[in-house]
Amino acid sequence: MKDAQDDPLRLDPRVLRRRLERAAPRFDGTAVLHREVGRRLVERLDYIRLQPQAILDLGCATGVNTEALRRRYPKARFVAMDLALPMVEQARRRGGRWRRPPGVCGGLEQLPFRNDSFDLVFSSLAFHRVPDLSATARELQRILRPDGVLMFATFGPDTLDELRRAWQAVDVDPHVHGFVDMHDIGDALVNARLADPVMDMEHFTLTYDAVADLVGDLDALGLRNALVGRYRGLTTPRRWRAMEAAYNGLRDADGRLPATWEVAYGHAWGTDAQTQMMAESGEVRVPLDTLSVPRRTR
């Protein structure tokens, strides 16, 4: 089994929560990519024949997609959920004084909702925080109603590759989050018995004058290093300058520093398959309220 200290995907949930809480006041001013990806993800609902009665905005951040979703489905019950309370509070305020949606603060691996609670689970750029994607996929299958839709976007493994390579030229410590491959996401959805997953991806490139500008944006988005295996000491000026020198070698023809963001989009359908959960002992457990009892006919 991979040691958590060496796992490029394993985030410290307490550190991650603090990062997001601190980012909340500055998030909207920096979330250019989040708004664009959210807009494209909402547009993909044009191709889904669905009139949801209940919608969960999972990983809602400050509610960058709240207005678009509620305008599209004005009669639906809407719930906003994120890991950081200040994010949820801002998302709720976007609903206005009289239509403020319910807000839930919590992680994505254990969702505090009953089975078959939602017709649409919408999640834009939040799955990268999930400690166990397989567990989250099972939870999504559990809370989705049969024929409900999971619509999501998440970062792929090419994200921030330039920054990752610049740090690798300096030391072996993990400085940049890892991101799950699109095929692994699809496997997790299928194994959780979500139906007909469809995925595709695209790349965005943002450019910066200086490395410090990129790092400032990551801080404002709550994406600063929260890895369990991160270096816990202060970065010395010498190491920082060495990283900057390595990154500066990647400047484009206009003298700008590129930052790649790979975004995977996908959707899958809820089913009435019985939810299975794996206990630490290895035994498989099926919640009683998901079991259907066959009726004897005469």
C-alpha atoms as a PDB file:
ATOM      1  CA  MET A   1       0.000   0.000   0.000  1.00  0.00           C
ATOM      2  CA  LYS A   2       1.289   3.460  -0.892  1.00  0.00           C
ATOM      3  CA  ASP A   3       2.473   5.521   2.082  1.00  0.00           C
ATOM      4  CA  ALA A   4       0.308   8.645   2.508  1.00  0.00           C
ATOM      5  CA  GLN A   5       3.486  10.726   2.765  1.00  0.00           C
ATOM      6  CA  ASP A   6       4.424   9.668  -0.795  1.00  0.00           C
ATOM      7  CA  ASP A   7       0.938   9.875  -2.302  1.00  0.00           C
ATOM      8  CA  PRO A   8       0.726  12.863  -4.713  1.00  0.00           C
ATOM      9  CA  LEU A   9      -3.074  12.829  -4.389  1.00  0.00           C
ATOM     10  CA  ARG A  10      -3.454  12.651  -0.603  1.00  0.00           C
ATOM     11  CA  LEU A  11      -4.426  16.020   0.875  1.00  0.00           C
ATOM     12  CA  ASP A  12      -4.508  16.932   4.549  1.00  0.00           C
ATOM     13  CA  PRO A  13      -8.218  17.734   5.104  1.00  0.00           C
ATOM     14  CA  ARG A  14      -7.568  20.175   7.940  1.00  0.00           C
ATOM     15  CA  VAL A  15      -4.985  22.100   5.937  1.00  0.00           C
ATOM     16  CA  LEU A  16      -7.216  22.033   2.861  1.00  0.00           C
ATOM     17  CA  ARG A  17     -10.136  23.440   4.849  1.00  0.00           C
ATOM     18  CA  ARG A  18      -7.951  26.251   6.204  1.00  0.00           C
ATOM     19  CA  ARG A  19      -6.694  27.035   2.702  1.00  0.00           C
ATOM     20  CA  LEU A  20     -10.269  27.303   1.390  1.00  0.00           C
ATOM     21  CA  GLU A  21     -11.512  29.343   4.355  1.00  0.00           C
ATOM     22  CA  ARG A  22      -8.664  31.812   3.900  1.00  0.00           C
ATOM     23  CA  ALA A  23      -9.269  31.961   0.152  1.00  0.00           C
ATOM     24  CA  ALA A  24     -12.995  32.729   0.362  1.00  0.00           C
ATOM     25  CA  PRO A  25     -12.754  36.580   0.465  1.00  0.00           C
ATOM     26  CA  ARG A  26     -10.450  36.674  -2.590  1.00  0.00           C
ATOM     27  CA  PHE A  27     -11.850  33.767  -4.579  1.00  0.00           C
ATOM     28  CA  ASP A  28     -14.260  35.633  -6.852  1.00  0.00           C
ATOM     29  CA  GLY A  29     -11.621  38.126  -7.934  1.00  0.00           C
ATOM     30  CA  THR A  30      -9.323  35.332  -9.108  1.00  0.00           C
ATOM     31  CA  ALA A  31     -11.657  32.572 -10.316  1.00  0.00           C
ATOM     32  CA  VAL A  32     -11.500  33.400 -14.038  1.00  0.00           C
ATOM     33  CA  LEU A  33     -10.989  29.766 -15.017  1.00  0.00           C
ATOM     34  CA  HIS A  34     -13.595  28.510 -12.539  1.00  0.00           C
ATOM     35  CA  ARG A  35     -16.219  30.808 -14.047  1.00  0.00           C
ATOM     36  CA  GLU A  36     -15.383  29.772 -17.607  1.00  0.00           C
ATOM     37  CA  VAL A  37     -15.395  26.049 -16.813  1.00  0.00           C
ATOM     38  CA  GLY A  38     -18.625  26.449 -14.855  1.00  0.00           C
ATOM     39  CA  ARG A  39     -20.234  28.251 -17.794  1.00  0.00           C
ATOM     40  CA  ARG A  40     -19.240  25.455 -20.175  1.00  0.00           C
ATOM     41  CA  LEU A  41     -20.451  22.800 -17.760  1.00  0.00           C
ATOM     42  CA  VAL A  42     -23.839  24.491 -17.385  1.00  0.00           C
ATOM     43  CA  GLU A  43     -24.128  24.687 -21.190  1.00  0.00           C
ATOM     44  CA  ARG A  44     -23.675  20.901 -21.362  1.00  0.00           C
ATOM     45  CA  LEU A  45     -27.005  20.577 -19.587  1.00  0.00           C
ATOM     46  CA  ASP A  46     -28.576  21.637 -22.907  1.00  0.00           C
ATOM     47  CA  TYR A  47     -27.954  18.085 -24.125  1.00  0.00           C
ATOM     48  CA  ILE A  48     -29.476  16.402 -21.059  1.00  0.00           C
ATOM     49  CA  ARG A  49     -33.227  15.878 -21.017  1.00  0.00           C
ATOM     50  CA  LEU A  50     -33.889  16.601 -17.374  1.00  0.00           C
ATOM     51  CA  GLN A  51     -36.251  18.681 -15.286  1.00  0.00           C
ATOM     52  CA  PRO A  52     -34.823  18.198 -11.786  1.00  0.00           C
ATOM     53  CA  GLN A  53     -36.856  18.697  -8.661  1.00  0.00           C
ATOM     54  CA  ALA A  54     -33.764  18.765  -6.431  1.00  0.00           C
ATOM     55  CA  ILE A  55     -30.227  19.947  -7.283  1.00  0.00           C
ATOM     56  CA  LEU A  56     -27.002  19.626  -5.288  1.00  0.00           C
ATOM     57  CA  ASP A  57     -24.168  22.016  -6.170  1.00  0.00           C
ATOM     58  CA  LEU A  58     -21.343  19.881  -4.771  1.00  0.00           C
ATOM     59  CA  GLY A  59     -18.167  21.849  -4.122  1.00  0.00           C
ATOM     60  CA  CYS A  60     -20.044  25.076  -4.765  1.00  0.00           C
ATOM     61  CA  ALA A  61     -17.130  27.357  -3.765  1.00  0.00           C
ATOM     62  CA  THR A  62     -18.551  30.889  -3.483  1.00  0.00           C
ATOM     63  CA  GLY A  63     -21.516  30.023  -5.682  1.00  0.00           C
ATOM     64  CA  VAL A  64     -20.011  30.896  -9.061  1.00  0.00           C
ATOM     65  CA  ASN A  65     -22.620  28.685 -10.768  1.00  0.00           C
ATOM     66  CA  THR A  66     -25.548  29.319  -8.435  1.00  0.00           C
ATOM     67  CA  GLU A  67     -27.295  31.974 -10.510  1.00  0.00           C
ATOM     68  CA  ALA A  68     -26.987  30.055 -13.779  1.00  0.00           C
ATOM     69  CA  LEU A  69     -28.339  26.827 -12.279  1.00  0.00           C
ATOM     70  CA  ARG A  70     -31.253  28.489 -10.521  1.00  0.00           C
ATOM     71  CA  ARG A  71     -32.146  30.484 -13.623  1.00  0.00           C
ATOM     72  CA  ARG A  72     -32.153  27.288 -15.688  1.00  0.00           C
ATOM     73  CA  TYR A  73     -34.230  25.333 -13.143  1.00  0.00           C
ATOM     74  CA  PRO A  74     -36.219  27.952 -11.200  1.00  0.00           C
ATOM     75  CA  LYS A  75     -38.650  25.453  -9.645  1.00  0.00           C
ATOM     76  CA  ALA A  76     -36.026  23.032  -8.342  1.00  0.00           C
ATOM     77  CA  ARG A  77     -34.992  22.762  -4.709  1.00  0.00           C
ATOM     78  CA  PHE A  78     -31.347  23.838  -4.580  1.00  0.00           C
ATOM     79  CA  VAL A  79     -28.666  22.886  -2.016  1.00  0.00           C
ATOM     80  CA  ALA A  80     -25.134  24.318  -1.940  1.00  0.00           C
ATOM     81  CA  MET A  81     -22.341  22.281  -0.320  1.00  0.00           C
ATOM     82  CA  ASP A  82     -18.627  22.865   0.191  1.00  0.00           C
ATOM     83  CA  LEU A  83     -15.848  22.020   2.611  1.00  0.00           C
ATOM     84  CA  ALA A  84     -15.321  25.595   3.839  1.00  0.00           C
ATOM     85  CA  LEU A  85     -18.083  27.424   5.705  1.00  0.00           C
ATOM     86  CA  PRO A  86     -17.152  30.914   4.375  1.00  0.00           C
ATOM     87  CA  MET A  87     -17.517  29.562   0.835  1.00  0.00           C
ATOM     88  CA  VAL A  88     -20.968  28.142   1.587  1.00  0.00           C
ATOM     89  CA  GLU A  89     -22.058  31.409   3.217  1.00  0.00           C
ATOM     90  CA  GLN A  90     -21.110  33.379   0.114  1.00  0.00           C
ATOM     91  CA  ALA A  91     -22.883  30.889  -2.140  1.00  0.00           C
ATOM     92  CA  ARG A  92     -26.064  31.224  -0.078  1.00  0.00           C
ATOM     93  CA  ARG A  93     -25.955  35.028  -0.285  1.00  0.00           C
ATOM     94  CA  ARG A  94     -25.985  34.781  -4.073  1.00  0.00           C
ATOM     95  CA  GLY A  95     -29.511  33.430  -3.803  1.00  0.00           C
ATOM     96  CA  GLY A  96     -30.760  36.821  -2.685  1.00  0.00           C
ATOM     97  CA  ARG A  97     -32.547  37.727   0.511  1.00  0.00           C
ATOM     98  CA  TRP A  98     -35.739  35.792  -0.208  1.00  0.00           C
ATOM     99  CA  ARG A  99     -34.390  32.796  -2.175  1.00  0.00           C
ATOM    100  CA  ARG A 100     -31.329  31.969  -0.115  1.00  0.00           C
ATOM    101  CA  PRO A 101     -30.654  28.240  -0.672  1.00  0.00           C
ATOM    102  CA  PRO A 102     -29.856  25.773   2.107  1.00  0.00           C
ATOM    103  CA  GLY A 103     -26.128  25.374   2.661  1.00  0.00           C
ATOM    104  CA  VAL A 104     -24.170  22.364   3.904  1.00  0.00           C
ATOM    105  CA  CYS A 105     -20.565  22.368   5.078  1.00  0.00           C
ATOM    106  CA  GLY A 106     -18.702  19.075   4.751  1.00  0.00           C
ATOM    107  CA  GLY A 107     -16.353  16.869   2.762  1.00  0.00           C
ATOM    108  CA  LEU A 108     -17.252  15.068  -0.439  1.00  0.00           C
ATOM    109  CA  GLU A 109     -16.481  11.553   0.763  1.00  0.00           C
ATOM    110  CA  GLN A 110     -19.456  11.233   3.156  1.00  0.00           C
ATOM    111  CA  LEU A 111     -22.501  13.099   1.934  1.00  0.00           C
ATOM    112  CA  PRO A 112     -25.081  13.896   4.642  1.00  0.00           C
ATOM    113  CA  PHE A 113     -28.138  13.194   2.501  1.00  0.00           C
ATOM    114  CA  ARG A 114     -30.664  10.391   2.276  1.00  0.00           C
ATOM    115  CA  ASN A 115     -30.661   7.873  -0.535  1.00  0.00           C
ATOM    116  CA  ASP A 116     -32.228   9.112  -3.791  1.00  0.00           C
ATOM    117  CA  SER A 117     -32.200  12.761  -2.697  1.00  0.00           C
ATOM    118  CA  PHE A 118     -31.276  14.548  -5.938  1.00  0.00           C
ATOM    119  CA  ASP A 119     -32.117  14.511  -9.625  1.00  0.00           C
ATOM    120  CA  LEU A 120     -29.000  16.510 -10.506  1.00  0.00           C
ATOM    121  CA  VAL A 121     -25.629  16.613  -8.775  1.00  0.00           C
ATOM    122  CA  PHE A 122     -23.536  19.395 -10.306  1.00  0.00           C
ATOM    123  CA  SER A 123     -19.863  19.587  -9.349  1.00  0.00           C
ATOM    124  CA  SER A 124     -17.438  21.989 -10.995  1.00  0.00           C
ATOM    125  CA  LEU A 125     -13.725  21.774 -10.143  1.00  0.00           C
ATOM    126  CA  ALA A 126     -14.058  20.110  -6.754  1.00  0.00           C
ATOM    127  CA  PHE A 127     -13.294  16.402  -7.236  1.00  0.00           C
ATOM    128  CA  HIS A 128      -9.542  17.061  -6.964  1.00  0.00           C
ATOM    129  CA  ARG A 129     -10.081  17.498  -3.210  1.00  0.00           C
ATOM    130  CA  VAL A 130     -11.568  14.022  -2.758  1.00  0.00           C
ATOM    131  CA  PRO A 131      -9.389  11.699  -0.615  1.00  0.00           C
ATOM    132  CA  ASP A 132     -11.001   8.529  -2.009  1.00  0.00           C
ATOM    133  CA  LEU A 133     -12.708   8.937  -5.361  1.00  0.00           C
ATOM    134  CA  SER A 134     -14.167   5.425  -5.226  1.00  0.00           C
ATOM    135  CA  ALA A 135     -15.906   6.189  -1.924  1.00  0.00           C
ATOM    136  CA  THR A 136     -17.225   9.491  -3.261  1.00  0.00           C
ATOM    137  CA  ALA A 137     -18.529   7.798  -6.414  1.00  0.00           C
ATOM    138  CA  ARG A 138     -20.462   5.307  -4.269  1.00  0.00           C
ATOM    139  CA  GLU A 139     -21.919   8.182  -2.268  1.00  0.00           C
ATOM    140  CA  LEU A 140     -22.949   9.949  -5.466  1.00  0.00           C
ATOM    141  CA  GLN A 141     -24.674   6.802  -6.701  1.00  0.00           C
ATOM    142  CA  ARG A 142     -26.454   6.544  -3.353  1.00  0.00           C
ATOM    143  CA  ILE A 143     -27.870  10.096  -3.274  1.00  0.00           C
ATOM    144  CA  LEU A 144     -28.762  10.255  -6.977  1.00  0.00           C
ATOM    145  CA  ARG A 145     -32.252   9.172  -7.913  1.00  0.00           C
ATOM    146  CA  PRO A 146     -32.560   6.550 -10.649  1.00  0.00           C
ATOM    147  CA  ASP A 147     -32.155   8.369 -13.986  1.00  0.00           C
ATOM    148  CA  GLY A 148     -30.766  11.390 -12.173  1.00  0.00           C
ATOM    149  CA  VAL A 149     -27.579  12.943 -13.560  1.00  0.00           C
ATOM    150  CA  LEU A 150     -24.130  13.612 -12.190  1.00  0.00           C
ATOM    151  CA  MET A 151     -22.583  16.478 -14.195  1.00  0.00           C
ATOM    152  CA  PHE A 152     -19.006  17.390 -13.296  1.00  0.00           C
ATOM    153  CA  ALA A 153     -15.716  18.982 -14.272  1.00  0.00           C
ATOM    154  CA  THR A 154     -12.417  18.353 -12.535  1.00  0.00           C
ATOM    155  CA  PHE A 155      -8.716  19.015 -12.999  1.00  0.00           C
ATOM    156  CA  GLY A 156      -6.621  16.449 -14.865  1.00  0.00           C
ATOM    157  CA  PRO A 157      -2.974  15.386 -14.322  1.00  0.00           C
ATOM    158  CA  ASP A 158      -1.452  17.954 -16.732  1.00  0.00           C
ATOM    159  CA  THR A 159      -2.673  20.764 -14.472  1.00  0.00           C
ATOM    160  CA  LEU A 160       0.153  23.042 -13.250  1.00  0.00           C
ATOM    161  CA  ASP A 161       2.717  20.837 -14.973  1.00  0.00           C
ATOM    162  CA  GLU A 162       5.097  23.768 -15.506  1.00  0.00           C
ATOM    163  CA  LEU A 163       5.141  24.642 -11.803  1.00  0.00           C
ATOM    164  CA  ARG A 164       5.578  20.982 -10.891  1.00  0.00           C
ATOM    165  CA  ARG A 165       8.582  20.601 -13.240  1.00  0.00           C
ATOM    166  CA  ALA A 166      10.149  23.826 -11.983  1.00  0.00           C
ATOM    167  CA  TRP A 167      10.062  22.530  -8.410  1.00  0.00           C
ATOM    168  CA  GLN A 168      11.361  19.113  -9.486  1.00  0.00           C
ATOM    169  CA  ALA A 169      14.467  20.881 -10.760  1.00  0.00           C
ATOM    170  CA  VAL A 170      15.127  22.053  -7.193  1.00  0.00           C
ATOM    171  CA  ASP A 171      14.254  19.162  -4.853  1.00  0.00           C
ATOM    172  CA  VAL A 172      12.258  15.951  -4.493  1.00  0.00           C
ATOM    173  CA  ASP A 173       9.602  17.302  -2.117  1.00  0.00           C
ATOM    174  CA  PRO A 174       6.007  17.446  -3.437  1.00  0.00           C
ATOM    175  CA  HIS A 175       5.015  21.086  -3.978  1.00  0.00           C
ATOM    176  CA  VAL A 176       2.067  20.746  -6.367  1.00  0.00           C
ATOM    177  CA  HIS A 177      -1.069  18.650  -6.017  1.00  0.00           C
ATOM    178  CA  GLY A 178      -1.494  15.596  -8.210  1.00  0.00           C
ATOM    179  CA  PHE A 179      -4.719  15.113 -10.140  1.00  0.00           C
ATOM    180  CA  VAL A 180      -6.623  11.956 -11.108  1.00  0.00           C
ATOM    181  CA  ASP A 181      -6.538  10.733 -14.700  1.00  0.00           C
ATOM    182  CA  MET A 182      -9.801  10.840 -16.658  1.00  0.00           C
ATOM    183  CA  HIS A 183      -9.789   7.060 -17.158  1.00  0.00           C
ATOM    184  CA  ASP A 184      -9.478   6.451 -13.402  1.00  0.00           C
ATOM    185  CA  ILE A 185     -12.472   8.703 -12.812  1.00  0.00           C
ATOM    186  CA  GLY A 186     -14.478   6.716 -15.341  1.00  0.00           C
ATOM    187  CA  ASP A 187     -13.493   3.448 -13.667  1.00  0.00           C
ATOM    188  CA  ALA A 188     -14.593   4.766 -10.258  1.00  0.00           C
ATOM    189  CA  LEU A 189     -17.989   5.778 -11.652  1.00  0.00           C
ATOM    190  CA  VAL A 190     -18.543   2.407 -13.320  1.00  0.00           C
ATOM    191  CA  ASN A 191     -17.475   0.488 -10.208  1.00  0.00           C
ATOM    192  CA  ALA A 192     -19.961   2.538  -8.184  1.00  0.00           C
ATOM    193  CA  ARG A 193     -22.690   1.413 -10.616  1.00  0.00           C
ATOM    194  CA  LEU A 194     -23.300   4.813 -12.121  1.00  0.00           C
ATOM    195  CA  ALA A 195     -24.507   4.266 -15.663  1.00  0.00           C
ATOM    196  CA  ASP A 196     -23.144   5.305 -19.062  1.00  0.00           C
ATOM    197  CA  PRO A 197     -20.337   7.670 -17.994  1.00  0.00           C
ATOM    198  CA  VAL A 198     -19.168   9.957 -20.799  1.00  0.00           C
ATOM    199  CA  MET A 199     -16.002  12.039 -20.468  1.00  0.00           C
ATOM    200  CA  ASP A 200     -13.830  14.368 -22.502  1.00  0.00           C
ATOM    201  CA  MET A 201     -11.141  16.913 -21.731  1.00  0.00           C
ATOM    202  CA  GLU A 202      -9.536  20.152 -22.853  1.00  0.00           C
ATOM    203  CA  HIS A 203      -6.548  22.285 -21.897  1.00  0.00           C
ATOM    204  CA  PHE A 204      -6.465  25.926 -20.857  1.00  0.00           C
ATOM    205  CA  THR A 205      -3.299  28.006 -20.620  1.00  0.00           C
ATOM    206  CA  LEU A 206      -3.174  31.070 -18.387  1.00  0.00           C
ATOM    207  CA  THR A 207      -0.111  33.313 -18.560  1.00  0.00           C
ATOM    208  CA  TYR A 208       1.650  35.394 -15.919  1.00  0.00           C
ATOM    209  CA  ASP A 209       4.344  38.036 -15.680  1.00  0.00           C
ATOM    210  CA  ALA A 210       5.990  36.364 -12.690  1.00  0.00           C
ATOM    211  CA  VAL A 211       5.898  33.127 -10.716  1.00  0.00           C
ATOM    212  CA  ALA A 212       4.746  35.085  -7.661  1.00  0.00           C
ATOM    213  CA  ASP A 213       1.601  36.126  -9.561  1.00  0.00           C
ATOM    214  CA  LEU A 214       0.704  32.484 -10.254  1.00  0.00           C
ATOM    215  CA  VAL A 215       1.350  31.457  -6.661  1.00  0.00           C
ATOM    216  CA  GLY A 216      -0.783  34.381  -5.475  1.00  0.00           C
ATOM    217  CA  ASP A 217      -3.657  33.131  -7.634  1.00  0.00           C
ATOM    218  CA  LEU A 218      -3.276  29.598  -6.255  1.00  0.00           C
ATOM    219  CA  ASP A 219      -3.452  30.992  -2.743  1.00  0.00           C
ATOM    220  CA  ALA A 220      -6.608  32.992  -3.583  1.00  0.00           C
ATOM    221  CA  LEU A 221      -8.214  29.850  -5.039  1.00  0.00           C
ATOM    222  CA  GLY A 222      -7.367  27.632  -2.069  1.00  0.00           C
ATOM    223  CA  LEU A 223      -4.981  25.573  -4.221  1.00  0.00           C
ATOM    224  CA  ARG A 224      -1.761  26.121  -2.318  1.00  0.00           C
ATOM    225  CA  ASN A 225       0.053  22.946  -1.291  1.00  0.00           C
ATOM    226  CA  ALA A 226      -2.055  20.917   1.166  1.00  0.00           C
ATOM    227  CA  LEU A 227      -0.439  17.540   0.497  1.00  0.00           C
ATOM    228  CA  VAL A 228       0.084  15.226   3.443  1.00  0.00           C
ATOM    229  CA  GLY A 229       3.665  14.710   2.265  1.00  0.00           C
ATOM    230  CA  ARG A 230       4.450  18.403   1.738  1.00  0.00           C
ATOM    231  CA  TYR A 231       7.648  19.933   3.115  1.00  0.00           C
ATOM    232  CA  ARG A 232       6.703  21.437   6.489  1.00  0.00           C
ATOM    233  CA  GLY A 233       9.530  23.965   6.808  1.00  0.00           C
ATOM    234  CA  LEU A 234       9.839  27.427   5.293  1.00  0.00           C
ATOM    235  CA  THR A 235      11.005  27.697   1.706  1.00  0.00           C
ATOM    236  CA  THR A 236      14.402  29.367   1.747  1.00  0.00           C
ATOM    237  CA  PRO A 237      15.081  32.305  -0.609  1.00  0.00           C
ATOM    238  CA  ARG A 238      17.732  30.201  -2.347  1.00  0.00           C
ATOM    239  CA  ARG A 239      15.307  27.374  -3.168  1.00  0.00           C
ATOM    240  CA  TRP A 240      12.624  29.837  -4.262  1.00  0.00           C
ATOM    241  CA  ARG A 241      15.056  31.612  -6.619  1.00  0.00           C
ATOM    242  CA  ALA A 242      16.148  28.256  -8.043  1.00  0.00           C
ATOM    243  CA  MET A 243      12.518  27.335  -8.746  1.00  0.00           C
ATOM    244  CA  GLU A 244      11.873  30.734 -10.337  1.00  0.00           C
ATOM    245  CA  ALA A 245      14.943  30.325 -12.561  1.00  0.00           C
ATOM    246  CA  ALA A 246      13.698  26.939 -13.742  1.00  0.00           C
ATOM    247  CA  TYR A 247      10.203  28.295 -14.446  1.00  0.00           C
ATOM    248  CA  ASN A 248      11.564  31.398 -16.215  1.00  0.00           C
ATOM    249  CA  GLY A 249      13.134  29.072 -18.760  1.00  0.00           C
ATOM    250  CA  LEU A 250       9.593  28.246 -19.929  1.00  0.00           C
ATOM    251  CA  ARG A 251       8.601  31.786 -20.942  1.00  0.00           C
ATOM    252  CA  ASP A 252       6.702  31.991 -24.224  1.00  0.00           C
ATOM    253  CA  ALA A 253       7.471  34.173 -27.251  1.00  0.00           C
ATOM    254  CA  ASP A 254       5.782  37.130 -25.528  1.00  0.00           C
ATOM    255  CA  GLY A 255       7.860  36.689 -22.392  1.00  0.00           C
ATOM    256  CA  ARG A 256       4.952  35.359 -20.364  1.00  0.00           C
ATOM    257  CA  LEU A 257       4.986  32.353 -18.042  1.00  0.00           C
ATOM    258  CA  PRO A 258       2.466  29.671 -19.080  1.00  0.00           C
ATOM    259  CA  ALA A 259       0.364  27.708 -16.571  1.00  0.00           C
ATOM    260  CA  THR A 260      -1.492  24.717 -18.002  1.00  0.00           C
ATOM    261  CA  TRP A 261      -4.846  23.592 -16.617  1.00  0.00           C
ATOM    262  CA  GLU A 262      -6.244  20.293 -17.861  1.00  0.00           C
ATOM    263  CA  VAL A 263      -9.996  20.038 -17.326  1.00  0.00           C
ATOM    264  CA  ALA A 264     -11.959  16.795 -17.645  1.00  0.00           C
ATOM    265  CA  TYR A 265     -15.721  17.033 -18.135  1.00  0.00           C
ATOM    266  CA  GLY A 266     -18.133  14.189 -17.598  1.00  0.00           C
ATOM    267  CA  HIS A 267     -21.599  13.011 -16.770  1.00  0.00           C
ATOM    268  CA  ALA A 268     -23.158   9.758 -15.616  1.00  0.00           C
ATOM    269  CA  TRP A 269     -26.626   8.540 -14.702  1.00  0.00           C
ATOM    270  CA  GLY A 270     -28.011   7.382 -11.393  1.00  0.00           C
ATOM    271  CA  THR A 271     -29.285   3.835 -11.130  1.00  0.00           C
ATOM    272  CA  ASP A 272     -31.358   1.777  -8.716  1.00  0.00           C
ATOM    273  CA  ALA A 273     -28.423  -0.569  -8.062  1.00  0.00           C
ATOM    274  CA  GLN A 274     -28.005  -1.428  -4.398  1.00  0.00           C
ATOM    275  CA  THR A 275     -25.313   0.619  -2.690  1.00  0.00           C
ATOM    276  CA  GLN A 276     -22.358  -1.376  -1.360  1.00  0.00           C
ATOM    277  CA  MET A 277     -19.822  -0.084   1.140  1.00  0.00           C
ATOM    278  CA  MET A 278     -16.519  -1.727   2.037  1.00  0.00           C
ATOM    279  CA  ALA A 279     -15.714  -1.869   5.767  1.00  0.00           C
ATOM    280  CA  GLU A 280     -12.134  -1.631   7.073  1.00  0.00           C
ATOM    281  CA  SER A 281     -12.259  -5.361   7.808  1.00  0.00           C
ATOM    282  CA  GLY A 282     -12.862  -6.007   4.103  1.00  0.00           C
ATOM    283  CA  GLU A 283     -16.484  -7.112   4.434  1.00  0.00           C
ATOM    284  CA  VAL A 284     -19.071  -5.652   2.070  1.00  0.00           C
ATOM    285  CA  ARG A 285     -22.051  -3.935   3.686  1.00  0.00           C
ATOM    286  CA  VAL A 286     -25.357  -3.054   2.030  1.00  0.00           C
ATOM    287  CA  PRO A 287     -27.576  -0.515   3.875  1.00  0.00           C
ATOM    288  CA  LEU A 288     -30.955  -2.019   4.744  1.00  0.00           C
ATOM    289  CA  ASP A 289     -32.874   0.935   3.350  1.00  0.00           C
ATOM    290  CA  THR A 290     -31.497   0.196  -0.134  1.00  0.00           C
ATOM    291  CA  LEU A 291     -32.745  -3.388  -0.223  1.00  0.00           C
ATOM    292  CA  SER A 292     -35.843  -4.281  -2.176  1.00  0.00           C
ATOM    293  CA  VAL A 293     -37.878  -7.216  -0.895  1.00  0.00           C
ATOM    294  CA  PRO A 294     -39.470  -9.325  -3.636  1.00  0.00           C
ATOM    295  CA  ARG A 295     -43.186  -9.963  -3.210  1.00  0.00           C
ATOM    296  CA  ARG A 296     -44.531 -13.489  -3.651  1.00  0.00           C
ATOM    297  CA  THR A 297     -47.312 -13.662  -6.207  1.00  0.00           C
ATOM    298  CA  ARG A 298     -49.964 -16.397  -6.429  1.00  0.00           C
END
